[in-house]
């Protein structure tokens, strides 16, 4: 009798073990979190009060995939009410993804300034430079505002050559020295070289409509007011968010802005 009881108990534990193993197999960790704690948390902001890019849905989906494949967490919003101290404290960096126009009220701006000064990160893509012209802190954090872009041909998207200035940064080390790609090329109101570390320079001889001359920064980074800022002027087109090199460029910028990948971002003298 005791022998039969011992055998039954052993069988019970065996069945319990099999059940737990099966539960593990059929209940995997959520995408992007398979390696445990996310490497960083990102708030993706997509509000527009000016031009609304038709590439925003593709851009959001691309960031979702980057998060799932590279073990970081991303939340998406176009609600400026999310810019408060309590909510921002959840994130290592905020991405202004194709944002345009006036975005935040004075209280929200103040919360974001405190967030950056506390040592967090900002990243901006393309039209992030076409926003908040009357907010001096944002202008300094960003580095340079949008001025205009070529209006021809129709549409104003052209092939041009981007040249790598820093081949060591997480957002550029894998790029060819001369990177030929299709995009809408921005001219900026000022050259950010005296305040930012230039990562990519646009060769105006390879397309029509450039107004900045031989020194035309198109991506840069900087340490500002205790925090980190990374910006790329690339990313206008829907196809950008299916290009492996552009997506790696974006990923490296996010990783640097979030503080999980090192990179040089001190300013250099004007050329």
C-alpha atoms as a PDB file:
ATOM      1  CA  UNK A   1       0.000   0.000   0.000  1.00  0.00           C
ATOM      2  CA  UNK A   2       2.773   2.443   0.983  1.00  0.00           C
ATOM      3  CA  UNK A   3       4.652   1.429  -2.169  1.00  0.00           C
ATOM      4  CA  UNK A   4       1.586   2.233  -4.324  1.00  0.00           C
ATOM      5  CA  UNK A   5       1.226   5.603  -2.580  1.00  0.00           C
ATOM      6  CA  UNK A   6       4.893   6.457  -3.275  1.00  0.00           C
ATOM      7  CA  UNK A   7       4.441   5.579  -6.954  1.00  0.00           C
ATOM      8  CA  UNK A   8       1.289   7.738  -7.203  1.00  0.00           C
ATOM      9  CA  UNK A   9       3.083  10.730  -5.668  1.00  0.00           C
ATOM     10  CA  UNK A  10       5.992  10.310  -8.090  1.00  0.00           C
ATOM     11  CA  UNK A  11       3.563  10.202 -11.004  1.00  0.00           C
ATOM     12  CA  UNK A  12       1.835  13.333  -9.710  1.00  0.00           C
ATOM     13  CA  UNK A  13       5.119  15.267  -9.569  1.00  0.00           C
ATOM     14  CA  UNK A  14       6.092  13.942 -13.010  1.00  0.00           C
ATOM     15  CA  UNK A  15       2.786  15.131 -14.497  1.00  0.00           C
ATOM     16  CA  UNK A  16       3.176  18.510 -12.765  1.00  0.00           C
ATOM     17  CA  UNK A  17       6.641  18.932 -14.288  1.00  0.00           C
ATOM     18  CA  UNK A  18       5.361  18.102 -17.764  1.00  0.00           C
ATOM     19  CA  UNK A  19       2.526  20.619 -17.332  1.00  0.00           C
ATOM     20  CA  UNK A  20       4.918  23.401 -16.283  1.00  0.00           C
ATOM     21  CA  UNK A  21       7.231  22.705 -19.233  1.00  0.00           C
ATOM     22  CA  UNK A  22       4.301  22.837 -21.648  1.00  0.00           C
ATOM     23  CA  UNK A  23       3.075  26.101 -20.158  1.00  0.00           C
ATOM     24  CA  UNK A  24       6.507  27.611 -20.707  1.00  0.00           C
ATOM     25  CA  UNK A  25       6.514  26.550 -24.346  1.00  0.00           C
ATOM     26  CA  UNK A  26       3.041  27.869 -25.179  1.00  0.00           C
ATOM     27  CA  UNK A  27       3.395  31.118 -23.194  1.00  0.00           C
ATOM     28  CA  UNK A  28       6.480  32.894 -24.544  1.00  0.00           C
ATOM     29  CA  UNK A  29       7.580  36.291 -23.289  1.00  0.00           C
ATOM     30  CA  UNK A  30       6.106  39.289 -25.144  1.00  0.00           C
ATOM     31  CA  UNK A  31       7.938  40.366 -28.305  1.00  0.00           C
ATOM     32  CA  UNK A  32      10.854  42.630 -27.528  1.00  0.00           C
ATOM     33  CA  UNK A  33      11.067  41.460 -23.927  1.00  0.00           C
ATOM     34  CA  UNK A  34      12.333  37.923 -24.489  1.00  0.00           C
ATOM     35  CA  UNK A  35      15.686  38.816 -22.976  1.00  0.00           C
ATOM     36  CA  UNK A  36      14.123  40.078 -19.768  1.00  0.00           C
ATOM     37  CA  UNK A  37      14.037  43.737 -18.773  1.00  0.00           C
ATOM     38  CA  UNK A  38      13.979  46.111 -21.792  1.00  0.00           C
ATOM     39  CA  UNK A  39      17.292  47.797 -22.541  1.00  0.00           C
ATOM     40  CA  UNK A  40      15.457  51.119 -22.479  1.00  0.00           C
ATOM     41  CA  UNK A  41      11.996  52.656 -22.671  1.00  0.00           C
ATOM     42  CA  UNK A  42      11.051  55.052 -25.461  1.00  0.00           C
ATOM     43  CA  UNK A  43       8.126  57.459 -25.818  1.00  0.00           C
ATOM     44  CA  UNK A  44       7.312  58.041 -29.494  1.00  0.00           C
ATOM     45  CA  UNK A  45       5.543  61.369 -30.110  1.00  0.00           C
ATOM     46  CA  UNK A  46       3.781  61.887 -33.465  1.00  0.00           C
ATOM     47  CA  UNK A  47       1.640  65.011 -32.995  1.00  0.00           C
ATOM     48  CA  UNK A  48       1.343  67.352 -35.996  1.00  0.00           C
ATOM     49  CA  UNK A  49      -0.253  70.781 -36.219  1.00  0.00           C
ATOM     50  CA  UNK A  50       1.469  71.581 -39.521  1.00  0.00           C
ATOM     51  CA  UNK A  51       2.174  69.266 -42.432  1.00  0.00           C
ATOM     52  CA  UNK A  52       1.181  65.664 -41.694  1.00  0.00           C
ATOM     53  CA  UNK A  53       3.507  63.164 -43.384  1.00  0.00           C
ATOM     54  CA  UNK A  54       1.816  60.168 -44.977  1.00  0.00           C
ATOM     55  CA  UNK A  55       4.815  58.121 -43.859  1.00  0.00           C
ATOM     56  CA  UNK A  56       3.873  58.379 -40.156  1.00  0.00           C
ATOM     57  CA  UNK A  57       2.020  55.021 -40.016  1.00  0.00           C
ATOM     58  CA  UNK A  58       4.963  53.235 -41.668  1.00  0.00           C
ATOM     59  CA  UNK A  59       7.386  55.040 -39.373  1.00  0.00           C
ATOM     60  CA  UNK A  60       5.483  53.952 -36.262  1.00  0.00           C
ATOM     61  CA  UNK A  61       5.361  50.356 -37.453  1.00  0.00           C
ATOM     62  CA  UNK A  62       9.095  50.438 -38.173  1.00  0.00           C
ATOM     63  CA  UNK A  63       9.837  51.606 -34.618  1.00  0.00           C
ATOM     64  CA  UNK A  64       7.567  48.852 -33.250  1.00  0.00           C
ATOM     65  CA  UNK A  65       9.597  46.274 -35.158  1.00  0.00           C
ATOM     66  CA  UNK A  66      12.889  47.779 -34.030  1.00  0.00           C
ATOM     67  CA  UNK A  67      11.664  47.573 -30.430  1.00  0.00           C
ATOM     68  CA  UNK A  68      10.602  43.939 -30.782  1.00  0.00           C
ATOM     69  CA  UNK A  69      13.849  42.917 -32.452  1.00  0.00           C
ATOM     70  CA  UNK A  70      16.237  44.908 -30.235  1.00  0.00           C
ATOM     71  CA  UNK A  71      14.785  44.471 -26.747  1.00  0.00           C
ATOM     72  CA  UNK A  72      13.493  47.944 -26.009  1.00  0.00           C
ATOM     73  CA  UNK A  73       9.985  49.099 -25.113  1.00  0.00           C
ATOM     74  CA  UNK A  74       8.177  51.762 -27.136  1.00  0.00           C
ATOM     75  CA  UNK A  75       4.935  53.586 -26.361  1.00  0.00           C
ATOM     76  CA  UNK A  76       3.249  55.759 -29.003  1.00  0.00           C
ATOM     77  CA  UNK A  77       1.201  58.919 -28.566  1.00  0.00           C
ATOM     78  CA  UNK A  78       0.105  62.118 -30.270  1.00  0.00           C
ATOM     79  CA  UNK A  79      -1.316  63.399 -26.978  1.00  0.00           C
ATOM     80  CA  UNK A  80       0.678  66.318 -25.566  1.00  0.00           C
ATOM     81  CA  UNK A  81      -0.876  65.661 -22.129  1.00  0.00           C
ATOM     82  CA  UNK A  82       1.652  62.822 -21.824  1.00  0.00           C
ATOM     83  CA  UNK A  83       4.328  65.486 -21.316  1.00  0.00           C
ATOM     84  CA  UNK A  84       4.157  65.691 -17.554  1.00  0.00           C
ATOM     85  CA  UNK A  85       6.739  64.850 -14.921  1.00  0.00           C
ATOM     86  CA  UNK A  86       5.180  61.575 -13.797  1.00  0.00           C
ATOM     87  CA  UNK A  87       4.725  60.122 -17.264  1.00  0.00           C
ATOM     88  CA  UNK A  88       8.031  61.284 -18.739  1.00  0.00           C
ATOM     89  CA  UNK A  89       9.887  59.725 -15.803  1.00  0.00           C
ATOM     90  CA  UNK A  90       8.980  56.287 -17.207  1.00  0.00           C
ATOM     91  CA  UNK A  91      11.174  56.790 -20.281  1.00  0.00           C
ATOM     92  CA  UNK A  92      14.877  56.958 -21.075  1.00  0.00           C
ATOM     93  CA  UNK A  93      14.289  58.938 -24.284  1.00  0.00           C
ATOM     94  CA  UNK A  94      11.543  60.651 -26.273  1.00  0.00           C
ATOM     95  CA  UNK A  95      11.385  60.422 -30.066  1.00  0.00           C
ATOM     96  CA  UNK A  96       9.759  63.279 -31.991  1.00  0.00           C
ATOM     97  CA  UNK A  97       8.790  61.265 -35.069  1.00  0.00           C
ATOM     98  CA  UNK A  98       7.811  63.496 -38.020  1.00  0.00           C
ATOM     99  CA  UNK A  99       6.246  66.052 -35.671  1.00  0.00           C
ATOM    100  CA  UNK A 100       5.344  69.504 -37.036  1.00  0.00           C
ATOM    101  CA  UNK A 101       4.037  72.817 -35.777  1.00  0.00           C
ATOM    102  CA  UNK A 102       3.298  73.938 -32.234  1.00  0.00           C
ATOM    103  CA  UNK A 103       3.141  70.836 -30.062  1.00  0.00           C
ATOM    104  CA  UNK A 104       3.288  71.578 -26.326  1.00  0.00           C
ATOM    105  CA  UNK A 105       1.796  74.230 -24.060  1.00  0.00           C
ATOM    106  CA  UNK A 106       4.041  76.098 -21.563  1.00  0.00           C
ATOM    107  CA  UNK A 107       3.477  73.591 -18.726  1.00  0.00           C
ATOM    108  CA  UNK A 108       4.259  70.664 -21.014  1.00  0.00           C
ATOM    109  CA  UNK A 109       7.348  72.431 -22.331  1.00  0.00           C
ATOM    110  CA  UNK A 110       8.553  73.022 -18.773  1.00  0.00           C
ATOM    111  CA  UNK A 111       8.066  69.335 -17.927  1.00  0.00           C
ATOM    112  CA  UNK A 112      10.095  68.308 -20.978  1.00  0.00           C
ATOM    113  CA  UNK A 113      12.876  70.759 -20.090  1.00  0.00           C
ATOM    114  CA  UNK A 114      13.070  69.249 -16.592  1.00  0.00           C
ATOM    115  CA  UNK A 115      13.146  65.783 -18.180  1.00  0.00           C
ATOM    116  CA  UNK A 116      16.133  66.643 -20.377  1.00  0.00           C
ATOM    117  CA  UNK A 117      17.980  68.402 -17.543  1.00  0.00           C
ATOM    118  CA  UNK A 118      17.530  65.263 -15.446  1.00  0.00           C
ATOM    119  CA  UNK A 119      19.787  63.433 -17.918  1.00  0.00           C
ATOM    120  CA  UNK A 120      17.359  61.903 -20.405  1.00  0.00           C
ATOM    121  CA  UNK A 121      17.413  61.786 -24.187  1.00  0.00           C
ATOM    122  CA  UNK A 122      15.717  63.366 -27.189  1.00  0.00           C
ATOM    123  CA  UNK A 123      15.689  62.056 -30.754  1.00  0.00           C
ATOM    124  CA  UNK A 124      14.152  63.810 -33.743  1.00  0.00           C
ATOM    125  CA  UNK A 125      13.377  62.528 -37.227  1.00  0.00           C
ATOM    126  CA  UNK A 126      13.044  64.730 -40.322  1.00  0.00           C
ATOM    127  CA  UNK A 127      10.122  67.109 -39.635  1.00  0.00           C
ATOM    128  CA  UNK A 128      11.008  67.314 -35.942  1.00  0.00           C
ATOM    129  CA  UNK A 129      13.014  70.319 -37.170  1.00  0.00           C
ATOM    130  CA  UNK A 130       9.785  71.904 -38.465  1.00  0.00           C
ATOM    131  CA  UNK A 131       8.297  72.390 -35.015  1.00  0.00           C
ATOM    132  CA  UNK A 132       8.240  74.672 -31.971  1.00  0.00           C
ATOM    133  CA  UNK A 133       9.919  77.693 -33.587  1.00  0.00           C
ATOM    134  CA  UNK A 134       8.979  79.916 -30.620  1.00  0.00           C
ATOM    135  CA  UNK A 135      10.413  77.614 -27.936  1.00  0.00           C
ATOM    136  CA  UNK A 136      14.097  78.558 -27.468  1.00  0.00           C
ATOM    137  CA  UNK A 137      14.956  75.486 -25.391  1.00  0.00           C
ATOM    138  CA  UNK A 138      13.703  73.166 -28.122  1.00  0.00           C
ATOM    139  CA  UNK A 139      15.639  75.062 -30.776  1.00  0.00           C
ATOM    140  CA  UNK A 140      18.870  74.695 -28.821  1.00  0.00           C
ATOM    141  CA  UNK A 141      18.203  71.043 -28.006  1.00  0.00           C
ATOM    142  CA  UNK A 142      17.438  70.314 -31.652  1.00  0.00           C
ATOM    143  CA  UNK A 143      20.407  72.243 -33.057  1.00  0.00           C
ATOM    144  CA  UNK A 144      18.861  73.822 -36.188  1.00  0.00           C
ATOM    145  CA  UNK A 145      15.383  74.570 -37.498  1.00  0.00           C
ATOM    146  CA  UNK A 146      14.009  73.664 -40.933  1.00  0.00           C
ATOM    147  CA  UNK A 147      14.175  76.475 -43.498  1.00  0.00           C
ATOM    148  CA  UNK A 148      12.870  74.993 -46.748  1.00  0.00           C
ATOM    149  CA  UNK A 149      13.322  72.132 -49.184  1.00  0.00           C
ATOM    150  CA  UNK A 150      13.594  71.829 -52.966  1.00  0.00           C
ATOM    151  CA  UNK A 151      10.236  72.322 -54.658  1.00  0.00           C
ATOM    152  CA  UNK A 152      11.204  70.494 -57.833  1.00  0.00           C
ATOM    153  CA  UNK A 153      10.914  68.046 -59.396  1.00  0.00           C
ATOM    154  CA  UNK A 154       7.325  67.174 -58.491  1.00  0.00           C
ATOM    155  CA  UNK A 155       7.276  65.522 -56.024  1.00  0.00           C
ATOM    156  CA  UNK A 156      10.246  67.169 -54.300  1.00  0.00           C
ATOM    157  CA  UNK A 157      11.957  63.848 -53.542  1.00  0.00           C
ATOM    158  CA  UNK A 158      15.366  63.375 -55.188  1.00  0.00           C
ATOM    159  CA  UNK A 159      18.349  61.100 -55.099  1.00  0.00           C
ATOM    160  CA  UNK A 160      21.351  62.565 -53.335  1.00  0.00           C
ATOM    161  CA  UNK A 161      24.595  61.492 -51.710  1.00  0.00           C
ATOM    162  CA  UNK A 162      25.014  61.626 -47.939  1.00  0.00           C
ATOM    163  CA  UNK A 163      28.628  61.539 -46.739  1.00  0.00           C
ATOM    164  CA  UNK A 164      29.607  60.088 -43.357  1.00  0.00           C
ATOM    165  CA  UNK A 165      31.591  62.430 -41.114  1.00  0.00           C
ATOM    166  CA  UNK A 166      31.738  60.233 -38.017  1.00  0.00           C
ATOM    167  CA  UNK A 167      32.245  56.542 -38.899  1.00  0.00           C
ATOM    168  CA  UNK A 168      32.271  55.466 -35.234  1.00  0.00           C
ATOM    169  CA  UNK A 169      28.889  56.584 -33.888  1.00  0.00           C
ATOM    170  CA  UNK A 170      26.212  53.893 -33.259  1.00  0.00           C
ATOM    171  CA  UNK A 171      24.017  55.542 -35.914  1.00  0.00           C
ATOM    172  CA  UNK A 172      26.675  55.723 -38.658  1.00  0.00           C
ATOM    173  CA  UNK A 173      29.480  53.172 -38.224  1.00  0.00           C
ATOM    174  CA  UNK A 174      27.899  50.666 -40.650  1.00  0.00           C
ATOM    175  CA  UNK A 175      27.141  53.158 -43.447  1.00  0.00           C
ATOM    176  CA  UNK A 176      29.087  53.505 -46.710  1.00  0.00           C
ATOM    177  CA  UNK A 177      31.237  56.648 -46.831  1.00  0.00           C
ATOM    178  CA  UNK A 178      29.076  57.913 -49.702  1.00  0.00           C
ATOM    179  CA  UNK A 179      25.466  56.859 -49.167  1.00  0.00           C
ATOM    180  CA  UNK A 180      23.187  57.314 -52.184  1.00  0.00           C
ATOM    181  CA  UNK A 181      19.526  57.471 -51.234  1.00  0.00           C
ATOM    182  CA  UNK A 182      16.146  58.954 -52.130  1.00  0.00           C
ATOM    183  CA  UNK A 183      14.637  61.536 -49.789  1.00  0.00           C
ATOM    184  CA  UNK A 184      13.291  65.059 -49.363  1.00  0.00           C
ATOM    185  CA  UNK A 185      16.357  67.142 -48.549  1.00  0.00           C
ATOM    186  CA  UNK A 186      16.008  69.879 -45.941  1.00  0.00           C
ATOM    187  CA  UNK A 187      17.839  73.202 -45.889  1.00  0.00           C
ATOM    188  CA  UNK A 188      18.215  74.564 -42.352  1.00  0.00           C
ATOM    189  CA  UNK A 189      18.027  78.127 -41.067  1.00  0.00           C
ATOM    190  CA  UNK A 190      21.467  77.852 -39.489  1.00  0.00           C
ATOM    191  CA  UNK A 191      24.410  75.485 -39.670  1.00  0.00           C
ATOM    192  CA  UNK A 192      24.486  73.468 -36.412  1.00  0.00           C
ATOM    193  CA  UNK A 193      28.199  72.644 -36.610  1.00  0.00           C
ATOM    194  CA  UNK A 194      29.249  75.148 -33.951  1.00  0.00           C
ATOM    195  CA  UNK A 195      26.908  73.599 -31.367  1.00  0.00           C
ATOM    196  CA  UNK A 196      26.536  69.943 -32.426  1.00  0.00           C
ATOM    197  CA  UNK A 197      28.628  66.973 -33.498  1.00  0.00           C
ATOM    198  CA  UNK A 198      27.982  66.364 -37.207  1.00  0.00           C
ATOM    199  CA  UNK A 199      27.364  62.754 -38.183  1.00  0.00           C
ATOM    200  CA  UNK A 200      26.266  63.052 -41.824  1.00  0.00           C
ATOM    201  CA  UNK A 201      26.757  65.761 -44.446  1.00  0.00           C
ATOM    202  CA  UNK A 202      24.667  66.183 -47.578  1.00  0.00           C
ATOM    203  CA  UNK A 203      26.503  66.673 -50.895  1.00  0.00           C
ATOM    204  CA  UNK A 204      24.592  69.466 -52.648  1.00  0.00           C
ATOM    205  CA  UNK A 205      26.346  68.746 -55.946  1.00  0.00           C
ATOM    206  CA  UNK A 206      24.381  65.490 -56.228  1.00  0.00           C
ATOM    207  CA  UNK A 207      20.851  66.980 -56.266  1.00  0.00           C
ATOM    208  CA  UNK A 208      19.031  70.256 -57.033  1.00  0.00           C
ATOM    209  CA  UNK A 209      17.865  72.838 -54.537  1.00  0.00           C
ATOM    210  CA  UNK A 210      20.515  72.893 -51.808  1.00  0.00           C
ATOM    211  CA  UNK A 211      21.202  76.335 -50.301  1.00  0.00           C
ATOM    212  CA  UNK A 212      23.723  75.645 -47.529  1.00  0.00           C
ATOM    213  CA  UNK A 213      26.791  75.130 -49.702  1.00  0.00           C
ATOM    214  CA  UNK A 214      29.685  72.747 -49.202  1.00  0.00           C
ATOM    215  CA  UNK A 215      28.883  72.243 -45.501  1.00  0.00           C
ATOM    216  CA  UNK A 216      25.336  70.905 -45.263  1.00  0.00           C
ATOM    217  CA  UNK A 217      24.840  68.811 -42.107  1.00  0.00           C
ATOM    218  CA  UNK A 218      21.908  66.404 -42.326  1.00  0.00           C
ATOM    219  CA  UNK A 219      22.327  64.379 -39.098  1.00  0.00           C
ATOM    220  CA  UNK A 220      23.978  65.321 -35.821  1.00  0.00           C
ATOM    221  CA  UNK A 221      24.030  64.808 -32.054  1.00  0.00           C
ATOM    222  CA  UNK A 222      24.882  66.866 -29.001  1.00  0.00           C
ATOM    223  CA  UNK A 223      24.976  66.845 -25.235  1.00  0.00           C
ATOM    224  CA  UNK A 224      22.747  69.661 -24.047  1.00  0.00           C
ATOM    225  CA  UNK A 225      21.620  70.950 -20.650  1.00  0.00           C
ATOM    226  CA  UNK A 226      22.406  67.639 -18.930  1.00  0.00           C
ATOM    227  CA  UNK A 227      20.677  65.468 -21.538  1.00  0.00           C
ATOM    228  CA  UNK A 228      21.324  64.012 -24.990  1.00  0.00           C
ATOM    229  CA  UNK A 229      19.996  65.059 -28.399  1.00  0.00           C
ATOM    230  CA  UNK A 230      20.180  63.150 -31.717  1.00  0.00           C
ATOM    231  CA  UNK A 231      18.587  64.325 -34.964  1.00  0.00           C
ATOM    232  CA  UNK A 232      18.407  63.059 -38.531  1.00  0.00           C
ATOM    233  CA  UNK A 233      16.969  64.998 -41.452  1.00  0.00           C
ATOM    234  CA  UNK A 234      16.342  61.739 -43.288  1.00  0.00           C
ATOM    235  CA  UNK A 235      13.053  59.830 -43.219  1.00  0.00           C
ATOM    236  CA  UNK A 236      10.502  61.730 -45.316  1.00  0.00           C
ATOM    237  CA  UNK A 237       9.445  58.856 -47.543  1.00  0.00           C
ATOM    238  CA  UNK A 238       7.426  55.730 -46.824  1.00  0.00           C
ATOM    239  CA  UNK A 239      10.185  53.648 -48.387  1.00  0.00           C
ATOM    240  CA  UNK A 240      12.683  55.000 -45.841  1.00  0.00           C
ATOM    241  CA  UNK A 241      11.019  52.831 -43.195  1.00  0.00           C
ATOM    242  CA  UNK A 242      11.760  49.700 -45.192  1.00  0.00           C
ATOM    243  CA  UNK A 243      15.429  50.506 -45.863  1.00  0.00           C
ATOM    244  CA  UNK A 244      17.782  48.412 -43.688  1.00  0.00           C
ATOM    245  CA  UNK A 245      20.480  51.105 -43.602  1.00  0.00           C
ATOM    246  CA  UNK A 246      18.078  53.868 -42.623  1.00  0.00           C
ATOM    247  CA  UNK A 247      16.479  51.684 -39.953  1.00  0.00           C
ATOM    248  CA  UNK A 248      19.909  50.858 -38.519  1.00  0.00           C
ATOM    249  CA  UNK A 249      20.717  54.589 -38.579  1.00  0.00           C
ATOM    250  CA  UNK A 250      17.527  55.282 -36.623  1.00  0.00           C
ATOM    251  CA  UNK A 251      18.141  52.435 -34.178  1.00  0.00           C
ATOM    252  CA  UNK A 252      21.671  53.621 -33.409  1.00  0.00           C
ATOM    253  CA  UNK A 253      20.413  57.139 -32.797  1.00  0.00           C
ATOM    254  CA  UNK A 254      17.750  55.897 -30.399  1.00  0.00           C
ATOM    255  CA  UNK A 255      20.242  53.730 -28.535  1.00  0.00           C
ATOM    256  CA  UNK A 256      22.618  56.669 -28.128  1.00  0.00           C
ATOM    257  CA  UNK A 257      19.850  59.064 -27.086  1.00  0.00           C
ATOM    258  CA  UNK A 258      18.635  56.535 -24.500  1.00  0.00           C
ATOM    259  CA  UNK A 259      22.148  56.245 -23.097  1.00  0.00           C
ATOM    260  CA  UNK A 260      22.707  52.547 -23.824  1.00  0.00           C
ATOM    261  CA  UNK A 261      25.307  52.971 -26.611  1.00  0.00           C
ATOM    262  CA  UNK A 262      28.318  55.309 -26.359  1.00  0.00           C
ATOM    263  CA  UNK A 263      29.253  57.807 -29.040  1.00  0.00           C
ATOM    264  CA  UNK A 264      31.211  61.035 -29.478  1.00  0.00           C
ATOM    265  CA  UNK A 265      28.899  64.047 -29.622  1.00  0.00           C
ATOM    266  CA  UNK A 266      31.022  67.084 -28.865  1.00  0.00           C
ATOM    267  CA  UNK A 267      30.742  70.082 -31.202  1.00  0.00           C
ATOM    268  CA  UNK A 268      33.441  70.801 -33.791  1.00  0.00           C
ATOM    269  CA  UNK A 269      34.494  74.143 -35.325  1.00  0.00           C
ATOM    270  CA  UNK A 270      32.809  75.371 -38.481  1.00  0.00           C
ATOM    271  CA  UNK A 271      34.428  74.205 -41.721  1.00  0.00           C
END
